[in-house]
Amino acid sequence: MIKGNLKARLRAKKKRITPKTDYFLINDIEYIDYKDAILRKFLNRQGRIANRSYTQLTSKTQRRVSIAIRRARQMALLPYMIIDQNE
């Protein structure tokens, strides 16, 4: 009885691996420039860098995007925080 429950839990915990749909690989973009307006796509509503599960980027391009976003913030091309005007 215990073994049956354990098997069911293990089966339920298995994560399905989905293929990543990397925006930069699909569009043949090799260099991620900090001046691109595309970087806003990888920010969430608060202005934080979105995680990989949301952006569907590979780890290599996620690191490159985060570095480009940090550079753009330093140059004041992107905001550090997005303040909602409705509040």
PDB file of N, CA and C in Angstrom:
ATOM      1  N   MET A   1       0.816  -1.189   0.000  1.00  0.00           N
ATOM      2  CA  MET A   1       0.000   0.000   0.000  1.00  0.00           C
ATOM      3  C   MET A   1       0.869   1.266   0.000  1.00  0.00           C
ATOM      4  N   ILE A   2       1.912   1.258   0.763  1.00  0.00           N
ATOM      5  CA  ILE A   2       2.798   2.416   0.800  1.00  0.00           C
ATOM      6  C   ILE A   2       3.515   2.573  -0.533  1.00  0.00           C
ATOM      7  N   LYS A   3       3.911   1.452  -1.142  1.00  0.00           N
ATOM      8  CA  LYS A   3       4.625   1.529  -2.410  1.00  0.00           C
ATOM      9  C   LYS A   3       3.748   2.126  -3.501  1.00  0.00           C
ATOM     10  N   GLY A   4       2.488   1.793  -3.511  1.00  0.00           N
ATOM     11  CA  GLY A   4       1.575   2.331  -4.519  1.00  0.00           C
ATOM     12  C   GLY A   4       1.440   3.836  -4.407  1.00  0.00           C
ATOM     13  N   ASN A   5       1.336   4.339  -3.183  1.00  0.00           N
ATOM     14  CA  ASN A   5       1.228   5.780  -2.981  1.00  0.00           C
ATOM     15  C   ASN A   5       2.521   6.487  -3.389  1.00  0.00           C
ATOM     16  N   LEU A   6       3.642   5.858  -3.096  1.00  0.00           N
ATOM     17  CA  LEU A   6       4.928   6.440  -3.447  1.00  0.00           C
ATOM     18  C   LEU A   6       5.084   6.545  -4.958  1.00  0.00           C
ATOM     19  N   LYS A   7       4.679   5.506  -5.675  1.00  0.00           N
ATOM     20  CA  LYS A   7       4.766   5.539  -7.137  1.00  0.00           C
ATOM     21  C   LYS A   7       3.871   6.622  -7.717  1.00  0.00           C
ATOM     22  N   ALA A   8       2.680   6.768  -7.149  1.00  0.00           N
ATOM     23  CA  ALA A   8       1.759   7.788  -7.647  1.00  0.00           C
ATOM     24  C   ALA A   8       2.326   9.189  -7.406  1.00  0.00           C
ATOM     25  N   ARG A   9       2.954   9.402  -6.254  1.00  0.00           N
ATOM     26  CA  ARG A   9       3.538  10.710  -5.959  1.00  0.00           C
ATOM     27  C   ARG A   9       4.721  11.004  -6.876  1.00  0.00           C
ATOM     28  N   LEU A  10       5.543   9.985  -7.127  1.00  0.00           N
ATOM     29  CA  LEU A  10       6.689  10.195  -8.011  1.00  0.00           C
ATOM     30  C   LEU A  10       6.241  10.508  -9.433  1.00  0.00           C
ATOM     31  N   ARG A  11       5.204   9.826  -9.872  1.00  0.00           N
ATOM     32  CA  ARG A  11       4.682  10.055 -11.207  1.00  0.00           C
ATOM     33  C   ARG A  11       4.115  11.475 -11.314  1.00  0.00           C
ATOM     34  N   ALA A  12       3.474  11.928 -10.259  1.00  0.00           N
ATOM     35  CA  ALA A  12       2.892  13.268 -10.262  1.00  0.00           C
ATOM     36  C   ALA A  12       3.963  14.347 -10.213  1.00  0.00           C
ATOM     37  N   LYS A  13       5.108  14.053  -9.582  1.00  0.00           N
ATOM     38  CA  LYS A  13       6.166  15.045  -9.449  1.00  0.00           C
ATOM     39  C   LYS A  13       7.006  15.202 -10.704  1.00  0.00           C
ATOM     40  N   LYS A  14       6.955  14.246 -11.621  1.00  0.00           N
ATOM     41  CA  LYS A  14       7.773  14.348 -12.829  1.00  0.00           C
ATOM     42  C   LYS A  14       7.384  15.598 -13.600  1.00  0.00           C
ATOM     43  N   LYS A  15       8.377  16.351 -13.946  1.00  0.00           N
ATOM     44  CA  LYS A  15       8.160  17.597 -14.652  1.00  0.00           C
ATOM     45  C   LYS A  15       8.297  17.355 -16.146  1.00  0.00           C
ATOM     46  N   ARG A  16       7.371  17.848 -16.882  1.00  0.00           N
ATOM     47  CA  ARG A  16       7.436  17.711 -18.322  1.00  0.00           C
ATOM     48  C   ARG A  16       8.386  18.766 -18.876  1.00  0.00           C
ATOM     49  N   ILE A  17       9.353  18.357 -19.639  1.00  0.00           N
ATOM     50  CA  ILE A  17      10.323  19.278 -20.197  1.00  0.00           C
ATOM     51  C   ILE A  17       9.793  19.769 -21.539  1.00  0.00           C
ATOM     52  N   THR A  18       9.574  21.081 -21.607  1.00  0.00           N
ATOM     53  CA  THR A  18       9.071  21.673 -22.838  1.00  0.00           C
ATOM     54  C   THR A  18      10.220  22.354 -23.567  1.00  0.00           C
ATOM     55  N   PRO A  19      10.199  22.342 -24.871  1.00  0.00           N
ATOM     56  CA  PRO A  19      11.277  23.006 -25.602  1.00  0.00           C
ATOM     57  C   PRO A  19      11.184  24.514 -25.432  1.00  0.00           C
ATOM     58  N   LYS A  20      12.331  25.148 -25.288  1.00  0.00           N
ATOM     59  CA  LYS A  20      12.382  26.592 -25.126  1.00  0.00           C
ATOM     60  C   LYS A  20      12.201  27.259 -26.487  1.00  0.00           C
ATOM     61  N   THR A  21      11.402  28.303 -26.514  1.00  0.00           N
ATOM     62  CA  THR A  21      11.229  29.082 -27.735  1.00  0.00           C
ATOM     63  C   THR A  21      11.982  30.384 -27.550  1.00  0.00           C
ATOM     64  N   ASP A  22      13.262  30.330 -27.764  1.00  0.00           N
ATOM     65  CA  ASP A  22      14.147  31.469 -27.536  1.00  0.00           C
ATOM     66  C   ASP A  22      13.914  32.522 -28.619  1.00  0.00           C
ATOM     67  N   TYR A  23      13.548  33.718 -28.195  1.00  0.00           N
ATOM     68  CA  TYR A  23      13.253  34.819 -29.108  1.00  0.00           C
ATOM     69  C   TYR A  23      14.461  35.166 -29.975  1.00  0.00           C
ATOM     70  N   PHE A  24      15.637  35.147 -29.385  1.00  0.00           N
ATOM     71  CA  PHE A  24      16.841  35.564 -30.100  1.00  0.00           C
ATOM     72  C   PHE A  24      17.319  34.488 -31.077  1.00  0.00           C
ATOM     73  N   LEU A  25      17.114  33.226 -30.757  1.00  0.00           N
ATOM     74  CA  LEU A  25      17.488  32.167 -31.690  1.00  0.00           C
ATOM     75  C   LEU A  25      16.530  32.106 -32.871  1.00  0.00           C
ATOM     76  N   ILE A  26      15.257  32.331 -32.620  1.00  0.00           N
ATOM     77  CA  ILE A  26      14.266  32.293 -33.696  1.00  0.00           C
ATOM     78  C   ILE A  26      14.500  33.422 -34.693  1.00  0.00           C
ATOM     79  N   ASN A  27      14.825  34.614 -34.189  1.00  0.00           N
ATOM     80  CA  ASN A  27      15.009  35.783 -35.053  1.00  0.00           C
ATOM     81  C   ASN A  27      16.452  35.999 -35.486  1.00  0.00           C
ATOM     82  N   ASP A  28      17.322  35.042 -35.228  1.00  0.00           N
ATOM     83  CA  ASP A  28      18.742  35.087 -35.627  1.00  0.00           C
ATOM     84  C   ASP A  28      19.448  36.348 -35.129  1.00  0.00           C
ATOM     85  N   ILE A  29      19.251  36.677 -33.859  1.00  0.00           N
ATOM     86  CA  ILE A  29      19.926  37.810 -33.244  1.00  0.00           C
ATOM     87  C   ILE A  29      21.095  37.255 -32.439  1.00  0.00           C
ATOM     88  N   GLU A  30      22.312  37.586 -32.860  1.00  0.00           N
ATOM     89  CA  GLU A  30      23.493  37.052 -32.187  1.00  0.00           C
ATOM     90  C   GLU A  30      23.945  37.936 -31.029  1.00  0.00           C
ATOM     91  N   TYR A  31      23.891  39.258 -31.234  1.00  0.00           N
ATOM     92  CA  TYR A  31      24.364  40.185 -30.210  1.00  0.00           C
ATOM     93  C   TYR A  31      23.174  40.911 -29.602  1.00  0.00           C
ATOM     94  N   ILE A  32      23.058  40.853 -28.291  1.00  0.00           N
ATOM     95  CA  ILE A  32      21.968  41.521 -27.590  1.00  0.00           C
ATOM     96  C   ILE A  32      22.484  42.887 -27.151  1.00  0.00           C
ATOM     97  N   ASP A  33      21.970  43.923 -27.790  1.00  0.00           N
ATOM     98  CA  ASP A  33      22.451  45.276 -27.535  1.00  0.00           C
ATOM     99  C   ASP A  33      21.600  45.930 -26.452  1.00  0.00           C
ATOM    100  N   TYR A  34      22.234  46.695 -25.581  1.00  0.00           N
ATOM    101  CA  TYR A  34      21.515  47.339 -24.486  1.00  0.00           C
ATOM    102  C   TYR A  34      20.652  48.498 -24.978  1.00  0.00           C
ATOM    103  N   LYS A  35      20.842  48.944 -26.230  1.00  0.00           N
ATOM    104  CA  LYS A  35      20.072  50.056 -26.776  1.00  0.00           C
ATOM    105  C   LYS A  35      18.780  49.603 -27.447  1.00  0.00           C
ATOM    106  N   ASP A  36      18.582  48.301 -27.564  1.00  0.00           N
ATOM    107  CA  ASP A  36      17.386  47.790 -28.229  1.00  0.00           C
ATOM    108  C   ASP A  36      16.137  48.016 -27.383  1.00  0.00           C
ATOM    109  N   ALA A  37      15.045  48.307 -28.066  1.00  0.00           N
ATOM    110  CA  ALA A  37      13.760  48.462 -27.374  1.00  0.00           C
ATOM    111  C   ALA A  37      13.147  47.108 -27.040  1.00  0.00           C
ATOM    112  N   ILE A  38      13.711  46.044 -27.574  1.00  0.00           N
ATOM    113  CA  ILE A  38      13.213  44.689 -27.324  1.00  0.00           C
ATOM    114  C   ILE A  38      13.348  44.316 -25.852  1.00  0.00           C
ATOM    115  N   LEU A  39      14.284  44.926 -25.153  1.00  0.00           N
ATOM    116  CA  LEU A  39      14.556  44.557 -23.765  1.00  0.00           C
ATOM    117  C   LEU A  39      13.369  44.806 -22.844  1.00  0.00           C
ATOM    118  N   ARG A  40      12.491  45.744 -23.200  1.00  0.00           N
ATOM    119  CA  ARG A  40      11.294  45.985 -22.387  1.00  0.00           C
ATOM    120  C   ARG A  40      10.397  44.754 -22.334  1.00  0.00           C
ATOM    121  N   LYS A  41      10.481  43.931 -23.356  1.00  0.00           N
ATOM    122  CA  LYS A  41       9.678  42.711 -23.413  1.00  0.00           C
ATOM    123  C   LYS A  41      10.052  41.740 -22.286  1.00  0.00           C
ATOM    124  N   PHE A  42      11.264  41.846 -21.773  1.00  0.00           N
ATOM    125  CA  PHE A  42      11.751  40.920 -20.758  1.00  0.00           C
ATOM    126  C   PHE A  42      11.692  41.506 -19.345  1.00  0.00           C
ATOM    127  N   LEU A  43      10.928  42.581 -19.183  1.00  0.00           N
ATOM    128  CA  LEU A  43      10.675  43.147 -17.864  1.00  0.00           C
ATOM    129  C   LEU A  43       9.238  42.846 -17.465  1.00  0.00           C
ATOM    130  N   ASN A  44       9.005  42.640 -16.165  1.00  0.00           N
ATOM    131  CA  ASN A  44       7.631  42.426 -15.734  1.00  0.00           C
ATOM    132  C   ASN A  44       6.980  43.769 -15.426  1.00  0.00           C
ATOM    133  N   ARG A  45       5.774  43.750 -14.875  1.00  0.00           N
ATOM    134  CA  ARG A  45       5.027  44.986 -14.656  1.00  0.00           C
ATOM    135  C   ARG A  45       5.689  45.918 -13.650  1.00  0.00           C
ATOM    136  N   GLN A  46       6.443  45.362 -12.709  1.00  0.00           N
ATOM    137  CA  GLN A  46       7.125  46.196 -11.724  1.00  0.00           C
ATOM    138  C   GLN A  46       8.464  46.736 -12.234  1.00  0.00           C
ATOM    139  N   GLY A  47       8.923  46.256 -13.379  1.00  0.00           N
ATOM    140  CA  GLY A  47      10.195  46.696 -13.925  1.00  0.00           C
ATOM    141  C   GLY A  47      11.342  45.756 -13.612  1.00  0.00           C
ATOM    142  N   ARG A  48      11.032  44.619 -12.993  1.00  0.00           N
ATOM    143  CA  ARG A  48      12.081  43.648 -12.686  1.00  0.00           C
ATOM    144  C   ARG A  48      12.335  42.745 -13.888  1.00  0.00           C
ATOM    145  N   ILE A  49      13.502  42.149 -13.927  1.00  0.00           N
ATOM    146  CA  ILE A  49      13.846  41.228 -15.004  1.00  0.00           C
ATOM    147  C   ILE A  49      13.029  39.951 -14.818  1.00  0.00           C
ATOM    148  N   ALA A  50      12.320  39.552 -15.868  1.00  0.00           N
ATOM    149  CA  ALA A  50      11.460  38.374 -15.800  1.00  0.00           C
ATOM    150  C   ALA A  50      12.322  37.108 -15.787  1.00  0.00           C
ATOM    151  N   ASN A  51      11.822  36.066 -15.127  1.00  0.00           N
ATOM    152  CA  ASN A  51      12.591  34.828 -15.005  1.00  0.00           C
ATOM    153  C   ASN A  51      12.475  33.976 -16.273  1.00  0.00           C
ATOM    154  N   ARG A  52      13.282  32.951 -16.324  1.00  0.00           N
ATOM    155  CA  ARG A  52      13.382  32.121 -17.521  1.00  0.00           C
ATOM    156  C   ARG A  52      12.111  31.358 -17.824  1.00  0.00           C
ATOM    157  N   SER A  53      11.375  30.967 -16.810  1.00  0.00           N
ATOM    158  CA  SER A  53      10.147  30.211 -17.062  1.00  0.00           C
ATOM    159  C   SER A  53       9.114  31.084 -17.774  1.00  0.00           C
ATOM    160  N   TYR A  54       9.171  32.379 -17.564  1.00  0.00           N
ATOM    161  CA  TYR A  54       8.240  33.290 -18.231  1.00  0.00           C
ATOM    162  C   TYR A  54       8.749  33.696 -19.616  1.00  0.00           C
ATOM    163  N   THR A  55      10.043  33.979 -19.735  1.00  0.00           N
ATOM    164  CA  THR A  55      10.593  34.478 -20.997  1.00  0.00           C
ATOM    165  C   THR A  55      10.892  33.373 -21.999  1.00  0.00           C
ATOM    166  N   GLN A  56      11.012  32.126 -21.534  1.00  0.00           N
ATOM    167  CA  GLN A  56      11.327  30.977 -22.395  1.00  0.00           C
ATOM    168  C   GLN A  56      12.675  31.121 -23.099  1.00  0.00           C
ATOM    169  N   LEU A  57      13.621  31.781 -22.448  1.00  0.00           N
ATOM    170  CA  LEU A  57      14.966  31.919 -23.009  1.00  0.00           C
ATOM    171  C   LEU A  57      15.856  30.797 -22.490  1.00  0.00           C
ATOM    172  N   THR A  58      16.920  30.513 -23.219  1.00  0.00           N
ATOM    173  CA  THR A  58      17.913  29.574 -22.711  1.00  0.00           C
ATOM    174  C   THR A  58      18.735  30.294 -21.649  1.00  0.00           C
ATOM    175  N   SER A  59      19.493  29.543 -20.874  1.00  0.00           N
ATOM    176  CA  SER A  59      20.240  30.159 -19.773  1.00  0.00           C
ATOM    177  C   SER A  59      21.295  31.136 -20.292  1.00  0.00           C
ATOM    178  N   LYS A  60      21.896  30.812 -21.414  1.00  0.00           N
ATOM    179  CA  LYS A  60      22.923  31.678 -21.992  1.00  0.00           C
ATOM    180  C   LYS A  60      22.332  33.020 -22.418  1.00  0.00           C
ATOM    181  N   THR A  61      21.218  32.992 -23.131  1.00  0.00           N
ATOM    182  CA  THR A  61      20.622  34.242 -23.581  1.00  0.00           C
ATOM    183  C   THR A  61      19.956  34.992 -22.427  1.00  0.00           C
ATOM    184  N   GLN A  62      19.469  34.278 -21.416  1.00  0.00           N
ATOM    185  CA  GLN A  62      18.909  34.956 -20.246  1.00  0.00           C
ATOM    186  C   GLN A  62      19.983  35.767 -19.524  1.00  0.00           C
ATOM    187  N   ARG A  63      21.184  35.202 -19.408  1.00  0.00           N
ATOM    188  CA  ARG A  63      22.296  35.941 -18.796  1.00  0.00           C
ATOM    189  C   ARG A  63      22.650  37.171 -19.628  1.00  0.00           C
ATOM    190  N   ARG A  64      22.681  37.006 -20.951  1.00  0.00           N
ATOM    191  CA  ARG A  64      23.001  38.131 -21.829  1.00  0.00           C
ATOM    192  C   ARG A  64      21.939  39.224 -21.757  1.00  0.00           C
ATOM    193  N   VAL A  65      20.681  38.820 -21.698  1.00  0.00           N
ATOM    194  CA  VAL A  65      19.586  39.784 -21.597  1.00  0.00           C
ATOM    195  C   VAL A  65      19.662  40.534 -20.276  1.00  0.00           C
ATOM    196  N   SER A  66      19.937  39.822 -19.189  1.00  0.00           N
ATOM    197  CA  SER A  66      19.995  40.491 -17.886  1.00  0.00           C
ATOM    198  C   SER A  66      21.158  41.480 -17.820  1.00  0.00           C
ATOM    199  N   ILE A  67      22.286  41.136 -18.432  1.00  0.00           N
ATOM    200  CA  ILE A  67      23.423  42.061 -18.481  1.00  0.00           C
ATOM    201  C   ILE A  67      23.060  43.292 -19.318  1.00  0.00           C
ATOM    202  N   ALA A  68      22.378  43.077 -20.455  1.00  0.00           N
ATOM    203  CA  ALA A  68      21.984  44.203 -21.312  1.00  0.00           C
ATOM    204  C   ALA A  68      20.971  45.098 -20.603  1.00  0.00           C
ATOM    205  N   ILE A  69      20.054  44.508 -19.840  1.00  0.00           N
ATOM    206  CA  ILE A  69      19.068  45.301 -19.100  1.00  0.00           C
ATOM    207  C   ILE A  69      19.762  46.117 -18.019  1.00  0.00           C
ATOM    208  N   ARG A  70      20.715  45.510 -17.329  1.00  0.00           N
ATOM    209  CA  ARG A  70      21.446  46.251 -16.298  1.00  0.00           C
ATOM    210  C   ARG A  70      22.239  47.409 -16.896  1.00  0.00           C
ATOM    211  N   ARG A  71      22.824  47.197 -18.063  1.00  0.00           N
ATOM    212  CA  ARG A  71      23.561  48.278 -18.734  1.00  0.00           C
ATOM    213  C   ARG A  71      22.614  49.398 -19.168  1.00  0.00           C
ATOM    214  N   ALA A  72      21.449  49.012 -19.693  1.00  0.00           N
ATOM    215  CA  ALA A  72      20.472  50.011 -20.130  1.00  0.00           C
ATOM    216  C   ALA A  72      19.947  50.807 -18.945  1.00  0.00           C
ATOM    217  N   ARG A  73      19.775  50.168 -17.799  1.00  0.00           N
ATOM    218  CA  ARG A  73      19.345  50.888 -16.598  1.00  0.00           C
ATOM    219  C   ARG A  73      20.422  51.871 -16.144  1.00  0.00           C
ATOM    220  N   GLN A  74      21.660  51.457 -16.234  1.00  0.00           N
ATOM    221  CA  GLN A  74      22.773  52.324 -15.830  1.00  0.00           C
ATOM    222  C   GLN A  74      22.853  53.561 -16.723  1.00  0.00           C
ATOM    223  N   MET A  75      22.552  53.380 -18.004  1.00  0.00           N
ATOM    224  CA  MET A  75      22.580  54.495 -18.948  1.00  0.00           C
ATOM    225  C   MET A  75      21.262  55.270 -18.971  1.00  0.00           C
ATOM    226  N   ALA A  76      20.312  54.899 -18.122  1.00  0.00           N
ATOM    227  CA  ALA A  76      18.990  55.530 -18.002  1.00  0.00           C
ATOM    228  C   ALA A  76      18.142  55.338 -19.252  1.00  0.00           C
ATOM    229  N   LEU A  77      18.326  54.234 -19.955  1.00  0.00           N
ATOM    230  CA  LEU A  77      17.476  53.909 -21.097  1.00  0.00           C
ATOM    231  C   LEU A  77      16.267  53.086 -20.667  1.00  0.00           C
ATOM    232  N   LEU A  78      16.391  52.386 -19.545  1.00  0.00           N
ATOM    233  CA  LEU A  78      15.288  51.623 -18.962  1.00  0.00           C
ATOM    234  C   LEU A  78      15.129  52.048 -17.509  1.00  0.00           C
ATOM    235  N   PRO A  79      13.910  52.029 -16.991  1.00  0.00           N
ATOM    236  CA  PRO A  79      13.713  52.420 -15.594  1.00  0.00           C
ATOM    237  C   PRO A  79      14.089  51.285 -14.640  1.00  0.00           C
ATOM    238  N   TYR A  80      14.508  51.679 -13.446  1.00  0.00           N
ATOM    239  CA  TYR A  80      14.763  50.683 -12.408  1.00  0.00           C
ATOM    240  C   TYR A  80      13.448  50.145 -11.862  1.00  0.00           C
ATOM    241  N   MET A  81      12.477  51.036 -11.688  1.00  0.00           N
ATOM    242  CA  MET A  81      11.156  50.646 -11.194  1.00  0.00           C
ATOM    243  C   MET A  81      10.094  51.314 -12.058  1.00  0.00           C
ATOM    244  N   ILE A  82       8.993  50.614 -12.265  1.00  0.00           N
ATOM    245  CA  ILE A  82       7.864  51.179 -12.982  1.00  0.00           C
ATOM    246  C   ILE A  82       6.777  51.463 -11.958  1.00  0.00           C
ATOM    247  N   ILE A  83       6.462  52.734 -11.777  1.00  0.00           N
ATOM    248  CA  ILE A  83       5.452  53.121 -10.804  1.00  0.00           C
ATOM    249  C   ILE A  83       4.114  53.232 -11.535  1.00  0.00           C
ATOM    250  N   ASP A  84       3.114  52.508 -11.025  1.00  0.00           N
ATOM    251  CA  ASP A  84       1.802  52.498 -11.643  1.00  0.00           C
ATOM    252  C   ASP A  84       1.103  53.819 -11.338  1.00  0.00           C
ATOM    253  N   GLN A  85       0.618  54.494 -12.361  1.00  0.00           N
ATOM    254  CA  GLN A  85      -0.030  55.790 -12.198  1.00  0.00           C
ATOM    255  C   GLN A  85      -1.465  55.661 -11.698  1.00  0.00           C
ATOM    256  N   ASN A  86      -2.028  54.452 -11.754  1.00  0.00           N
ATOM    257  CA  ASN A  86      -3.423  54.263 -11.356  1.00  0.00           C
ATOM    258  C   ASN A  86      -3.606  54.235  -9.840  1.00  0.00           C
ATOM    259  N   GLU A  87      -2.524  54.047  -9.099  1.00  0.00           N
ATOM    260  CA  GLU A  87      -2.650  53.924  -7.648  1.00  0.00           C
ATOM    261  C   GLU A  87      -2.760  55.243  -6.954  1.00  0.00           C
TER     262      GLU A  87
END
